[in-house]
Amino acid sequence: MPAGYVVRLEDPRQDEVIRMLSALDAYLESLYPPQSNHLLDVESLCAPNIRFFVARRGADPIGCGALRVEAGYGEVKRMFVARRRAARTSGARFYVASRTRLRAKALR
């Protein structure tokens, strides 16, 4: 990630993160019917088998994502990068940085 960006494990119950997740929910609900949205709620994102990451530029959250860890594999959940705060390539950078950290830590 570019200088000034940090991706780290964080608690999804933060107000600023909940606002991002709400924006993601609204976006997904505009694209897909309810039966096609299998969204994890905030409390589900706190489960022991979930690794929740937040990307920040300084103190400002610009994205988030979760990994559900199962027996020997992980499933990406709740990936989001705020358009108004991030450059066009920030989503890809966030994904690459998250994946790198996940490989190093999450599947333990």
Protein backbone atom coordinates (compact mmCIF):
# COMPACT_ATOMS: atom_id res chain seq x y z
CA MET A 1 0.00 0.00 0.00
CA PRO A 2 1.18 3.56 -0.53
CA ALA A 3 2.75 5.51 2.29
CA GLY A 4 0.18 6.70 4.80
CA TYR A 5 -2.04 3.63 4.39
CA VAL A 6 -2.25 0.94 7.06
CA VAL A 7 -4.22 -2.32 7.05
CA ARG A 8 -4.67 -4.04 10.39
CA LEU A 9 -6.97 -6.29 12.36
CA GLU A 10 -9.61 -4.21 14.16
CA ASP A 11 -12.93 -4.54 15.94
CA PRO A 12 -15.87 -4.08 13.53
CA ARG A 13 -18.03 -2.54 16.28
CA GLN A 14 -16.54 0.94 15.80
CA ASP A 15 -19.02 3.63 14.69
CA GLU A 16 -16.94 4.64 11.67
CA VAL A 17 -16.65 1.01 10.55
CA ILE A 18 -20.37 0.41 11.06
CA ARG A 19 -21.04 3.40 8.77
CA MET A 20 -18.85 1.80 6.07
CA LEU A 21 -20.65 -1.53 6.48
CA SER A 22 -24.01 0.24 6.22
CA ALA A 23 -22.88 1.90 2.97
CA LEU A 24 -21.78 -1.50 1.68
CA ASP A 25 -25.14 -3.03 2.63
CA ALA A 26 -27.01 -0.28 0.79
CA TYR A 27 -24.84 -0.73 -2.29
CA LEU A 28 -25.27 -4.53 -2.34
CA GLU A 29 -29.02 -4.22 -1.74
CA SER A 30 -29.23 -1.94 -4.80
CA LEU A 31 -27.55 -4.61 -6.94
CA TYR A 32 -29.03 -7.90 -5.74
CA PRO A 33 -32.34 -9.24 -4.46
CA PRO A 34 -32.54 -10.01 -0.72
CA GLN A 35 -32.26 -13.77 -1.25
CA SER A 36 -28.87 -13.22 -2.96
CA ASN A 37 -27.35 -11.12 -0.17
CA HIS A 38 -25.70 -13.30 2.46
CA LEU A 39 -24.27 -10.50 4.58
CA LEU A 40 -22.57 -11.06 7.91
CA ASP A 41 -23.84 -8.60 10.52
CA VAL A 42 -21.49 -6.76 12.87
CA GLU A 43 -21.79 -9.29 15.68
CA SER A 44 -21.08 -12.14 13.24
CA LEU A 45 -17.93 -10.29 12.19
CA CYS A 46 -16.73 -10.67 15.81
CA ALA A 47 -16.87 -14.49 15.75
CA PRO A 48 -13.66 -16.38 16.60
CA ASN A 49 -13.28 -17.66 13.03
CA ILE A 50 -13.50 -14.17 11.49
CA ARG A 51 -10.50 -11.89 10.87
CA PHE A 52 -11.73 -8.33 10.31
CA PHE A 53 -9.39 -5.79 8.71
CA VAL A 54 -9.65 -2.03 8.39
CA ALA A 55 -7.62 0.05 5.95
CA ARG A 56 -6.81 3.55 7.13
CA ARG A 57 -5.17 6.56 5.65
CA GLY A 58 -3.89 8.25 8.76
CA ALA A 59 -6.73 7.89 11.27
CA ASP A 60 -9.39 7.92 8.53
CA PRO A 61 -10.91 4.52 7.64
CA ILE A 62 -11.09 4.03 3.88
CA GLY A 63 -11.93 0.35 3.62
CA CYS A 64 -12.59 -2.90 5.37
CA GLY A 65 -12.78 -6.59 4.74
CA ALA A 66 -13.20 -9.84 6.57
CA LEU A 67 -11.94 -13.36 6.18
CA ARG A 68 -13.97 -16.29 7.44
CA VAL A 69 -11.48 -18.99 8.39
CA GLU A 70 -12.58 -22.60 8.02
CA ALA A 71 -10.64 -25.87 8.06
CA GLY A 72 -7.63 -25.02 5.89
CA TYR A 73 -9.14 -22.21 3.82
CA GLY A 74 -10.49 -18.70 4.10
CA GLU A 75 -13.45 -16.97 2.46
CA VAL A 76 -13.35 -13.23 1.79
CA LYS A 77 -16.39 -11.43 3.23
CA ARG A 78 -17.52 -7.79 3.48
CA MET A 79 -14.83 -6.22 1.24
CA PHE A 80 -15.39 -2.48 0.83
CA VAL A 81 -13.40 0.62 -0.09
CA ALA A 82 -15.07 4.04 0.28
CA ARG A 83 -15.12 5.80 -3.10
CA ARG A 84 -14.99 9.32 -1.75
CA ARG A 85 -11.85 8.61 0.29
CA ALA A 86 -9.84 6.31 -1.93
CA ALA A 87 -8.14 6.51 -5.29
CA ARG A 88 -9.38 4.17 -8.02
CA THR A 89 -6.63 1.66 -7.29
CA SER A 90 -7.01 1.67 -3.51
CA GLY A 91 -9.43 -1.27 -3.60
CA ALA A 92 -6.90 -3.43 -5.39
CA ARG A 93 -4.11 -2.24 -3.10
CA PHE A 94 -6.24 -3.00 -0.06
CA TYR A 95 -6.99 -6.48 -1.38
CA VAL A 96 -3.32 -7.24 -2.05
CA ALA A 97 -2.21 -5.90 1.34
CA SER A 98 -4.99 -7.79 3.13
CA ARG A 99 -4.19 -11.00 1.30
CA THR A 100 -0.52 -10.68 2.22
CA ARG A 101 -1.39 -10.18 5.89
CA LEU A 102 -3.89 -13.02 5.77
CA ARG A 103 -1.31 -15.40 4.41
CA ALA A 104 1.06 -14.46 7.20
CA LYS A 105 -1.47 -14.52 10.09
CA ALA A 106 -5.09 -15.39 9.55
CA LEU A 107 -5.18 -19.09 8.83
CA ARG A 108 -3.65 -19.99 12.17
